[in-house]
Amino acid sequence: MLVQNVIRGGGAWDGGINVKDELIAINGYRIDATGKELERVVQASRIGDVVKMLVSRDGIIQELAVKVQASKTGKYAFMPAENVTAEQQQLREKWLAEQ
């Protein structure tokens, strides 16, 4: 499993995980292509726990200690507003038509 992105200031970033690292194992458990083992260990961990990640970077195997942190990313949703003006409705329709 290759790392596609790392959030600056997150647990992976602080623990030394880089983009293009190959994740091999977490806490001694092999990570397969599905990532189910990774997900299982992370979900069973608590904020502040340290997990040991075995990674391959540029062909060199490294063990990294990664502290589990609360997610710093937010989830957003676009919802239609109530009582919009005619101008707002026109802009909305134009914006959606360009997609």
PDB file of N, CA and C in Angstrom:
ATOM      1  N   MET A   1       0.851  -1.170   0.000  1.00  0.00           N
ATOM      2  CA  MET A   1       0.000   0.000   0.000  1.00  0.00           C
ATOM      3  C   MET A   1       0.897   1.233   0.000  1.00  0.00           C
ATOM      4  N   LEU A   2       0.719   2.098  -0.986  1.00  0.00           N
ATOM      5  CA  LEU A   2       1.526   3.311  -1.099  1.00  0.00           C
ATOM      6  C   LEU A   2       0.763   4.511  -0.555  1.00  0.00           C
ATOM      7  N   VAL A   3       1.462   5.369   0.149  1.00  0.00           N
ATOM      8  CA  VAL A   3       0.876   6.594   0.698  1.00  0.00           C
ATOM      9  C   VAL A   3       0.673   7.587  -0.443  1.00  0.00           C
ATOM     10  N   GLN A   4      -0.559   8.064  -0.594  1.00  0.00           N
ATOM     11  CA  GLN A   4      -0.888   9.007  -1.664  1.00  0.00           C
ATOM     12  C   GLN A   4      -0.781  10.467  -1.222  1.00  0.00           C
ATOM     13  N   ASN A   5      -1.140  10.732   0.039  1.00  0.00           N
ATOM     14  CA  ASN A   5      -1.010  12.093   0.565  1.00  0.00           C
ATOM     15  C   ASN A   5      -0.882  12.042   2.081  1.00  0.00           C
ATOM     16  N   VAL A   6      -0.311  13.089   2.628  1.00  0.00           N
ATOM     17  CA  VAL A   6      -0.116  13.195   4.071  1.00  0.00           C
ATOM     18  C   VAL A   6      -0.547  14.601   4.476  1.00  0.00           C
ATOM     19  N   ILE A   7      -1.350  14.690   5.512  1.00  0.00           N
ATOM     20  CA  ILE A   7      -1.837  16.000   5.965  1.00  0.00           C
ATOM     21  C   ILE A   7      -0.792  16.636   6.869  1.00  0.00           C
ATOM     22  N   ARG A   8      -0.353  17.836   6.472  1.00  0.00           N
ATOM     23  CA  ARG A   8       0.642  18.569   7.249  1.00  0.00           C
ATOM     24  C   ARG A   8       0.132  18.787   8.670  1.00  0.00           C
ATOM     25  N   GLY A   9       0.956  18.426   9.646  1.00  0.00           N
ATOM     26  CA  GLY A   9       0.597  18.611  11.045  1.00  0.00           C
ATOM     27  C   GLY A   9      -0.203  17.460  11.633  1.00  0.00           C
ATOM     28  N   GLY A  10      -0.540  16.462  10.823  1.00  0.00           N
ATOM     29  CA  GLY A  10      -1.284  15.300  11.317  1.00  0.00           C
ATOM     30  C   GLY A  10      -0.334  14.274  11.910  1.00  0.00           C
ATOM     31  N   GLY A  11      -0.893  13.211  12.456  1.00  0.00           N
ATOM     32  CA  GLY A  11      -0.094  12.175  13.094  1.00  0.00           C
ATOM     33  C   GLY A  11       0.904  11.532  12.153  1.00  0.00           C
ATOM     34  N   ALA A  12       0.468  11.205  10.929  1.00  0.00           N
ATOM     35  CA  ALA A  12       1.379  10.581   9.960  1.00  0.00           C
ATOM     36  C   ALA A  12       2.525  11.530   9.620  1.00  0.00           C
ATOM     37  N   TRP A  13       2.196  12.784   9.388  1.00  0.00           N
ATOM     38  CA  TRP A  13       3.212  13.802   9.072  1.00  0.00           C
ATOM     39  C   TRP A  13       4.223  13.912  10.212  1.00  0.00           C
ATOM     40  N   ASP A  14       3.701  14.082  11.420  1.00  0.00           N
ATOM     41  CA  ASP A  14       4.573  14.232  12.589  1.00  0.00           C
ATOM     42  C   ASP A  14       5.400  12.972  12.847  1.00  0.00           C
ATOM     43  N   GLY A  15       4.843  11.810  12.486  1.00  0.00           N
ATOM     44  CA  GLY A  15       5.546  10.549  12.689  1.00  0.00           C
ATOM     45  C   GLY A  15       6.560  10.217  11.612  1.00  0.00           C
ATOM     46  N   GLY A  16       6.610  11.041  10.560  1.00  0.00           N
ATOM     47  CA  GLY A  16       7.610  10.845   9.523  1.00  0.00           C
ATOM     48  C   GLY A  16       7.149  10.098   8.290  1.00  0.00           C
ATOM     49  N   ILE A  17       5.848   9.842   8.167  1.00  0.00           N
ATOM     50  CA  ILE A  17       5.329   9.186   6.970  1.00  0.00           C
ATOM     51  C   ILE A  17       5.370  10.182   5.812  1.00  0.00           C
ATOM     52  N   ASN A  18       5.857   9.727   4.658  1.00  0.00           N
ATOM     53  CA  ASN A  18       5.958  10.577   3.469  1.00  0.00           C
ATOM     54  C   ASN A  18       5.129  10.012   2.327  1.00  0.00           C
ATOM     55  N   VAL A  19       4.765  10.874   1.399  1.00  0.00           N
ATOM     56  CA  VAL A  19       4.111  10.446   0.168  1.00  0.00           C
ATOM     57  C   VAL A  19       5.045   9.467  -0.541  1.00  0.00           C
ATOM     58  N   LYS A  20       4.475   8.436  -1.112  1.00  0.00           N
ATOM     59  CA  LYS A  20       5.164   7.361  -1.835  1.00  0.00           C
ATOM     60  C   LYS A  20       5.832   6.344  -0.919  1.00  0.00           C
ATOM     61  N   ASP A  21       5.688   6.490   0.413  1.00  0.00           N
ATOM     62  CA  ASP A  21       6.155   5.433   1.311  1.00  0.00           C
ATOM     63  C   ASP A  21       5.269   4.212   1.085  1.00  0.00           C
ATOM     64  N   GLU A  22       5.863   3.040   1.130  1.00  0.00           N
ATOM     65  CA  GLU A  22       5.088   1.806   1.081  1.00  0.00           C
ATOM     66  C   GLU A  22       4.863   1.348   2.512  1.00  0.00           C
ATOM     67  N   LEU A  23       3.602   1.233   2.899  1.00  0.00           N
ATOM     68  CA  LEU A  23       3.271   0.763   4.250  1.00  0.00           C
ATOM     69  C   LEU A  23       3.321  -0.755   4.241  1.00  0.00           C
ATOM     70  N   ILE A  24       4.162  -1.308   5.103  1.00  0.00           N
ATOM     71  CA  ILE A  24       4.359  -2.758   5.146  1.00  0.00           C
ATOM     72  C   ILE A  24       3.636  -3.375   6.335  1.00  0.00           C
ATOM     73  N   ALA A  25       3.765  -2.780   7.518  1.00  0.00           N
ATOM     74  CA  ALA A  25       3.150  -3.354   8.714  1.00  0.00           C
ATOM     75  C   ALA A  25       2.838  -2.259   9.717  1.00  0.00           C
ATOM     76  N   ILE A  26       1.859  -2.558  10.584  1.00  0.00           N
ATOM     77  CA  ILE A  26       1.509  -1.670  11.688  1.00  0.00           C
ATOM     78  C   ILE A  26       1.421  -2.525  12.949  1.00  0.00           C
ATOM     79  N   ASN A  27       2.169  -2.135  13.964  1.00  0.00           N
ATOM     80  CA  ASN A  27       2.236  -2.885  15.232  1.00  0.00           C
ATOM     81  C   ASN A  27       2.497  -4.373  15.002  1.00  0.00           C
ATOM     82  N   GLY A  28       3.321  -4.677  14.012  1.00  0.00           N
ATOM     83  CA  GLY A  28       3.702  -6.052  13.741  1.00  0.00           C
ATOM     84  C   GLY A  28       2.766  -6.823  12.838  1.00  0.00           C
ATOM     85  N   TYR A  29       1.649  -6.218  12.426  1.00  0.00           N
ATOM     86  CA  TYR A  29       0.690  -6.879  11.546  1.00  0.00           C
ATOM     87  C   TYR A  29       0.898  -6.407  10.109  1.00  0.00           C
ATOM     88  N   ARG A  30       1.002  -7.355   9.189  1.00  0.00           N
ATOM     89  CA  ARG A  30       1.213  -7.058   7.776  1.00  0.00           C
ATOM     90  C   ARG A  30       0.031  -6.293   7.219  1.00  0.00           C
ATOM     91  N   ILE A  31       0.306  -5.260   6.422  1.00  0.00           N
ATOM     92  CA  ILE A  31      -0.735  -4.475   5.755  1.00  0.00           C
ATOM     93  C   ILE A  31      -0.837  -4.986   4.324  1.00  0.00           C
ATOM     94  N   ASP A  32      -2.038  -5.437   3.935  1.00  0.00           N
ATOM     95  CA  ASP A  32      -2.211  -5.883   2.553  1.00  0.00           C
ATOM     96  C   ASP A  32      -2.787  -4.747   1.708  1.00  0.00           C
ATOM     97  N   ALA A  33      -3.042  -5.016   0.452  1.00  0.00           N
ATOM     98  CA  ALA A  33      -3.511  -3.983  -0.483  1.00  0.00           C
ATOM     99  C   ALA A  33      -4.865  -3.406  -0.105  1.00  0.00           C
ATOM    100  N   THR A  34      -5.673  -4.161   0.643  1.00  0.00           N
ATOM    101  CA  THR A  34      -6.993  -3.655   1.017  1.00  0.00           C
ATOM    102  C   THR A  34      -6.913  -2.629   2.139  1.00  0.00           C
ATOM    103  N   GLY A  35      -5.862  -2.709   2.943  1.00  0.00           N
ATOM    104  CA  GLY A  35      -5.706  -1.777   4.053  1.00  0.00           C
ATOM    105  C   GLY A  35      -6.596  -2.078   5.244  1.00  0.00           C
ATOM    106  N   LYS A  36      -7.268  -3.238   5.246  1.00  0.00           N
ATOM    107  CA  LYS A  36      -8.184  -3.560   6.338  1.00  0.00           C
ATOM    108  C   LYS A  36      -7.468  -3.676   7.682  1.00  0.00           C
ATOM    109  N   GLU A  37      -6.274  -4.249   7.677  1.00  0.00           N
ATOM    110  CA  GLU A  37      -5.527  -4.387   8.934  1.00  0.00           C
ATOM    111  C   GLU A  37      -5.120  -3.014   9.461  1.00  0.00           C
ATOM    112  N   LEU A  38      -4.691  -2.141   8.579  1.00  0.00           N
ATOM    113  CA  LEU A  38      -4.340  -0.772   8.959  1.00  0.00           C
ATOM    114  C   LEU A  38      -5.552  -0.090   9.582  1.00  0.00           C
ATOM    115  N   GLU A  39      -6.680  -0.193   8.918  1.00  0.00           N
ATOM    116  CA  GLU A  39      -7.905   0.425   9.415  1.00  0.00           C
ATOM    117  C   GLU A  39      -8.302  -0.165  10.773  1.00  0.00           C
ATOM    118  N   ARG A  40      -8.179  -1.495  10.930  1.00  0.00           N
ATOM    119  CA  ARG A  40      -8.552  -2.148  12.187  1.00  0.00           C
ATOM    120  C   ARG A  40      -7.701  -1.640  13.345  1.00  0.00           C
ATOM    121  N   VAL A  41      -6.378  -1.556  13.133  1.00  0.00           N
ATOM    122  CA  VAL A  41      -5.479  -1.116  14.208  1.00  0.00           C
ATOM    123  C   VAL A  41      -5.727   0.352  14.535  1.00  0.00           C
ATOM    124  N   VAL A  42      -5.904   1.175  13.514  1.00  0.00           N
ATOM    125  CA  VAL A  42      -6.134   2.605  13.755  1.00  0.00           C
ATOM    126  C   VAL A  42      -7.442   2.813  14.506  1.00  0.00           C
ATOM    127  N   GLN A  43      -8.490   2.107  14.113  1.00  0.00           N
ATOM    128  CA  GLN A  43      -9.782   2.261  14.797  1.00  0.00           C
ATOM    129  C   GLN A  43      -9.734   1.757  16.237  1.00  0.00           C
ATOM    130  N   ALA A  44      -8.894   0.764  16.503  1.00  0.00           N
ATOM    131  CA  ALA A  44      -8.773   0.237  17.865  1.00  0.00           C
ATOM    132  C   ALA A  44      -7.868   1.104  18.734  1.00  0.00           C
ATOM    133  N   SER A  45      -7.138   2.013  18.111  1.00  0.00           N
ATOM    134  CA  SER A  45      -6.218   2.883  18.851  1.00  0.00           C
ATOM    135  C   SER A  45      -6.967   4.078  19.424  1.00  0.00           C
ATOM    136  N   ARG A  46      -6.379   4.652  20.453  1.00  0.00           N
ATOM    137  CA  ARG A  46      -6.946   5.848  21.080  1.00  0.00           C
ATOM    138  C   ARG A  46      -6.038   7.034  20.800  1.00  0.00           C
ATOM    139  N   ILE A  47      -6.605   8.218  20.875  1.00  0.00           N
ATOM    140  CA  ILE A  47      -5.821   9.437  20.712  1.00  0.00           C
ATOM    141  C   ILE A  47      -4.669   9.395  21.711  1.00  0.00           C
ATOM    142  N   GLY A  48      -3.464   9.611  21.224  1.00  0.00           N
ATOM    143  CA  GLY A  48      -2.287   9.608  22.082  1.00  0.00           C
ATOM    144  C   GLY A  48      -1.502   8.307  22.037  1.00  0.00           C
ATOM    145  N   ASP A  49      -2.145   7.209  21.574  1.00  0.00           N
ATOM    146  CA  ASP A  49      -1.419   5.954  21.410  1.00  0.00           C
ATOM    147  C   ASP A  49      -0.331   6.126  20.361  1.00  0.00           C
ATOM    148  N   VAL A  50       0.724   5.346  20.489  1.00  0.00           N
ATOM    149  CA  VAL A  50       1.794   5.343  19.490  1.00  0.00           C
ATOM    150  C   VAL A  50       1.775   3.990  18.796  1.00  0.00           C
ATOM    151  N   VAL A  51       1.675   4.021  17.467  1.00  0.00           N
ATOM    152  CA  VAL A  51       1.720   2.787  16.682  1.00  0.00           C
ATOM    153  C   VAL A  51       3.056   2.726  15.955  1.00  0.00           C
ATOM    154  N   LYS A  52       3.556   1.517  15.773  1.00  0.00           N
ATOM    155  CA  LYS A  52       4.821   1.331  15.062  1.00  0.00           C
ATOM    156  C   LYS A  52       4.513   0.969  13.619  1.00  0.00           C
ATOM    157  N   MET A  53       5.015   1.785  12.716  1.00  0.00           N
ATOM    158  CA  MET A  53       4.800   1.578  11.289  1.00  0.00           C
ATOM    159  C   MET A  53       6.099   1.101  10.650  1.00  0.00           C
ATOM    160  N   LEU A  54       6.011   0.021   9.905  1.00  0.00           N
ATOM    161  CA  LEU A  54       7.146  -0.447   9.127  1.00  0.00           C
ATOM    162  C   LEU A  54       6.898   0.012   7.702  1.00  0.00           C
ATOM    163  N   VAL A  55       7.807   0.821   7.183  1.00  0.00           N
ATOM    164  CA  VAL A  55       7.642   1.389   5.844  1.00  0.00           C
ATOM    165  C   VAL A  55       8.887   1.138   5.002  1.00  0.00           C
ATOM    166  N   SER A  56       8.675   1.168   3.708  1.00  0.00           N
ATOM    167  CA  SER A  56       9.791   1.112   2.768  1.00  0.00           C
ATOM    168  C   SER A  56       9.820   2.447   2.047  1.00  0.00           C
ATOM    169  N   ARG A  57      10.957   3.116   2.125  1.00  0.00           N
ATOM    170  CA  ARG A  57      11.139   4.409   1.452  1.00  0.00           C
ATOM    171  C   ARG A  57      12.410   4.313   0.619  1.00  0.00           C
ATOM    172  N   ASP A  58      12.258   4.459  -0.678  1.00  0.00           N
ATOM    173  CA  ASP A  58      13.392   4.369  -1.598  1.00  0.00           C
ATOM    174  C   ASP A  58      14.164   3.071  -1.390  1.00  0.00           C
ATOM    175  N   GLY A  59      13.426   1.974  -1.127  1.00  0.00           N
ATOM    176  CA  GLY A  59      14.041   0.669  -0.970  1.00  0.00           C
ATOM    177  C   GLY A  59      14.650   0.407   0.390  1.00  0.00           C
ATOM    178  N   ILE A  60      14.566   1.360   1.301  1.00  0.00           N
ATOM    179  CA  ILE A  60      15.126   1.205   2.647  1.00  0.00           C
ATOM    180  C   ILE A  60      13.980   0.995   3.632  1.00  0.00           C
ATOM    181  N   ILE A  61      14.038  -0.081   4.413  1.00  0.00           N
ATOM    182  CA  ILE A  61      13.015  -0.378   5.412  1.00  0.00           C
ATOM    183  C   ILE A  61      13.281   0.459   6.657  1.00  0.00           C
ATOM    184  N   GLN A  62      12.227   1.101   7.153  1.00  0.00           N
ATOM    185  CA  GLN A  62      12.337   1.934   8.355  1.00  0.00           C
ATOM    186  C   GLN A  62      11.171   1.622   9.289  1.00  0.00           C
ATOM    187  N   GLU A  63      11.421   1.717  10.590  1.00  0.00           N
ATOM    188  CA  GLU A  63      10.336   1.624  11.557  1.00  0.00           C
ATOM    189  C   GLU A  63      10.107   3.016  12.129  1.00  0.00           C
ATOM    190  N   LEU A  64       8.861   3.473  12.050  1.00  0.00           N
ATOM    191  CA  LEU A  64       8.509   4.802  12.531  1.00  0.00           C
ATOM    192  C   LEU A  64       7.493   4.693  13.661  1.00  0.00           C
ATOM    193  N   ALA A  65       7.618   5.556  14.647  1.00  0.00           N
ATOM    194  CA  ALA A  65       6.638   5.639  15.737  1.00  0.00           C
ATOM    195  C   ALA A  65       5.687   6.781  15.408  1.00  0.00           C
ATOM    196  N   VAL A  66       4.419   6.445  15.234  1.00  0.00           N
ATOM    197  CA  VAL A  66       3.421   7.439  14.832  1.00  0.00           C
ATOM    198  C   VAL A  66       2.385   7.574  15.949  1.00  0.00           C
ATOM    199  N   LYS A  67       2.246   8.789  16.462  1.00  0.00           N
ATOM    200  CA  LYS A  67       1.285   9.063  17.531  1.00  0.00           C
ATOM    201  C   LYS A  67      -0.094   9.311  16.914  1.00  0.00           C
ATOM    202  N   VAL A  68      -1.089   8.594  17.401  1.00  0.00           N
ATOM    203  CA  VAL A  68      -2.452   8.749  16.901  1.00  0.00           C
ATOM    204  C   VAL A  68      -2.996  10.083  17.381  1.00  0.00           C
ATOM    205  N   GLN A  69      -3.489  10.868  16.432  1.00  0.00           N
ATOM    206  CA  GLN A  69      -4.036  12.192  16.734  1.00  0.00           C
ATOM    207  C   GLN A  69      -5.470  12.278  16.234  1.00  0.00           C
ATOM    208  N   ALA A  70      -6.206  13.203  16.791  1.00  0.00           N
ATOM    209  CA  ALA A  70      -7.560  13.468  16.302  1.00  0.00           C
ATOM    210  C   ALA A  70      -7.462  14.047  14.902  1.00  0.00           C
ATOM    211  N   SER A  71      -8.423  13.709  14.084  1.00  0.00           N
ATOM    212  CA  SER A  71      -8.439  14.218  12.708  1.00  0.00           C
ATOM    213  C   SER A  71      -8.574  15.736  12.714  1.00  0.00           C
ATOM    214  N   LYS A  72      -7.771  16.371  11.878  1.00  0.00           N
ATOM    215  CA  LYS A  72      -7.824  17.828  11.768  1.00  0.00           C
ATOM    216  C   LYS A  72      -8.573  18.260  10.518  1.00  0.00           C
ATOM    217  N   THR A  73      -9.066  17.283   9.768  1.00  0.00           N
ATOM    218  CA  THR A  73      -9.810  17.624   8.560  1.00  0.00           C
ATOM    219  C   THR A  73     -11.282  17.736   8.888  1.00  0.00           C
ATOM    220  N   GLY A  74     -11.943  18.616   8.228  1.00  0.00           N
ATOM    221  CA  GLY A  74     -13.367  18.790   8.431  1.00  0.00           C
ATOM    222  C   GLY A  74     -14.140  18.167   7.290  1.00  0.00           C
ATOM    223  N   LYS A  75     -15.389  17.917   7.524  1.00  0.00           N
ATOM    224  CA  LYS A  75     -16.276  17.428   6.474  1.00  0.00           C
ATOM    225  C   LYS A  75     -17.242  18.553   6.150  1.00  0.00           C
ATOM    226  N   TYR A  76     -17.428  18.775   4.876  1.00  0.00           N
ATOM    227  CA  TYR A  76     -18.265  19.876   4.436  1.00  0.00           C
ATOM    228  C   TYR A  76     -19.320  19.359   3.479  1.00  0.00           C
ATOM    229  N   ALA A  77     -20.445  20.023   3.458  1.00  0.00           N
ATOM    230  CA  ALA A  77     -21.513  19.683   2.526  1.00  0.00           C
ATOM    231  C   ALA A  77     -22.125  20.977   2.021  1.00  0.00           C
ATOM    232  N   PHE A  78     -22.494  20.982   0.765  1.00  0.00           N
ATOM    233  CA  PHE A  78     -23.193  22.119   0.182  1.00  0.00           C
ATOM    234  C   PHE A  78     -24.683  21.840   0.255  1.00  0.00           C
ATOM    235  N   MET A  79     -25.396  22.757   0.864  1.00  0.00           N
ATOM    236  CA  MET A  79     -26.833  22.608   1.015  1.00  0.00           C
ATOM    237  C   MET A  79     -27.502  23.832   0.406  1.00  0.00           C
ATOM    238  N   PRO A  80     -28.614  23.628  -0.291  1.00  0.00           N
ATOM    239  CA  PRO A  80     -29.307  24.785  -0.857  1.00  0.00           C
ATOM    240  C   PRO A  80     -29.881  25.665   0.253  1.00  0.00           C
ATOM    241  N   ALA A  81     -29.706  26.944   0.085  1.00  0.00           N
ATOM    242  CA  ALA A  81     -30.221  27.900   1.074  1.00  0.00           C
ATOM    243  C   ALA A  81     -31.718  28.101   0.863  1.00  0.00           C
ATOM    244  N   GLU A  82     -32.380  28.431   1.930  1.00  0.00           N
ATOM    245  CA  GLU A  82     -33.800  28.751   1.847  1.00  0.00           C
ATOM    246  C   GLU A  82     -33.949  30.245   1.571  1.00  0.00           C
ATOM    247  N   ASN A  83     -35.063  30.622   0.973  1.00  0.00           N
ATOM    248  CA  ASN A  83     -35.394  32.027   0.730  1.00  0.00           C
ATOM    249  C   ASN A  83     -34.296  32.762  -0.038  1.00  0.00           C
ATOM    250  N   VAL A  84     -33.844  32.190  -1.156  1.00  0.00           N
ATOM    251  CA  VAL A  84     -32.808  32.842  -1.950  1.00  0.00           C
ATOM    252  C   VAL A  84     -33.417  33.920  -2.829  1.00  0.00           C
ATOM    253  N   THR A  85     -32.578  34.890  -3.156  1.00  0.00           N
ATOM    254  CA  THR A  85     -33.029  35.946  -4.063  1.00  0.00           C
ATOM    255  C   THR A  85     -32.988  35.419  -5.491  1.00  0.00           C
ATOM    256  N   ALA A  86     -33.619  36.139  -6.386  1.00  0.00           N
ATOM    257  CA  ALA A  86     -33.614  35.750  -7.806  1.00  0.00           C
ATOM    258  C   ALA A  86     -32.182  35.743  -8.338  1.00  0.00           C
ATOM    259  N   GLU A  87     -31.368  36.695  -7.905  1.00  0.00           N
ATOM    260  CA  GLU A  87     -29.968  36.760  -8.344  1.00  0.00           C
ATOM    261  C   GLU A  87     -29.183  35.547  -7.834  1.00  0.00           C
ATOM    262  N   GLN A  88     -29.397  35.181  -6.588  1.00  0.00           N
ATOM    263  CA  GLN A  88     -28.720  34.005  -6.034  1.00  0.00           C
ATOM    264  C   GLN A  88     -29.135  32.737  -6.779  1.00  0.00           C
ATOM    265  N   GLN A  89     -30.413  32.593  -7.082  1.00  0.00           N
ATOM    266  CA  GLN A  89     -30.907  31.432  -7.817  1.00  0.00           C
ATOM    267  C   GLN A  89     -30.287  31.378  -9.212  1.00  0.00           C
ATOM    268  N   GLN A  90     -30.188  32.530  -9.855  1.00  0.00           N
ATOM    269  CA  GLN A  90     -29.596  32.601 -11.192  1.00  0.00           C
ATOM    270  C   GLN A  90     -28.110  32.201 -11.148  1.00  0.00           C
ATOM    271  N   LEU A  91     -27.387  32.684 -10.154  1.00  0.00           N
ATOM    272  CA  LEU A  91     -25.975  32.332 -10.012  1.00  0.00           C
ATOM    273  C   LEU A  91     -25.814  30.836  -9.725  1.00  0.00           C
ATOM    274  N   ARG A  92     -26.692  30.300  -8.890  1.00  0.00           N
ATOM    275  CA  ARG A  92     -26.640  28.862  -8.574  1.00  0.00           C
ATOM    276  C   ARG A  92     -26.845  28.024  -9.829  1.00  0.00           C
ATOM    277  N   GLU A  93     -27.857  28.368 -10.610  1.00  0.00           N
ATOM    278  CA  GLU A  93     -28.145  27.617 -11.835  1.00  0.00           C
ATOM    279  C   GLU A  93     -26.981  27.708 -12.823  1.00  0.00           C
ATOM    280  N   LYS A  94     -26.390  28.891 -12.940  1.00  0.00           N
ATOM    281  CA  LYS A  94     -25.244  29.061 -13.835  1.00  0.00           C
ATOM    282  C   LYS A  94     -24.060  28.210 -13.363  1.00  0.00           C
ATOM    283  N   TRP A  95     -23.812  28.249 -12.070  1.00  0.00           N
ATOM    284  CA  TRP A  95     -22.678  27.497 -11.504  1.00  0.00           C
ATOM    285  C   TRP A  95     -22.866  25.998 -11.726  1.00  0.00           C
ATOM    286  N   LEU A  96     -24.070  25.486 -11.452  1.00  0.00           N
ATOM    287  CA  LEU A  96     -24.338  24.067 -11.619  1.00  0.00           C
ATOM    288  C   LEU A  96     -24.327  23.642 -13.078  1.00  0.00           C
ATOM    289  N   ALA A  97     -24.740  24.522 -13.974  1.00  0.00           N
ATOM    290  CA  ALA A  97     -24.761  24.200 -15.405  1.00  0.00           C
ATOM    291  C   ALA A  97     -23.347  24.046 -15.952  1.00  0.00           C
ATOM    292  N   GLU A  98     -22.364  24.690 -15.354  1.00  0.00           N
ATOM    293  CA  GLU A  98     -20.977  24.629 -15.847  1.00  0.00           C
ATOM    294  C   GLU A  98     -20.276  23.368 -15.409  1.00  0.00           C
ATOM    295  N   GLN A  99     -20.883  22.563 -14.588  1.00  0.00           N
ATOM    296  CA  GLN A  99     -20.227  21.351 -14.108  1.00  0.00           C
ATOM    297  C   GLN A  99     -20.260  20.257 -15.118  1.00  0.00           C
TER     298      GLN A  99
END
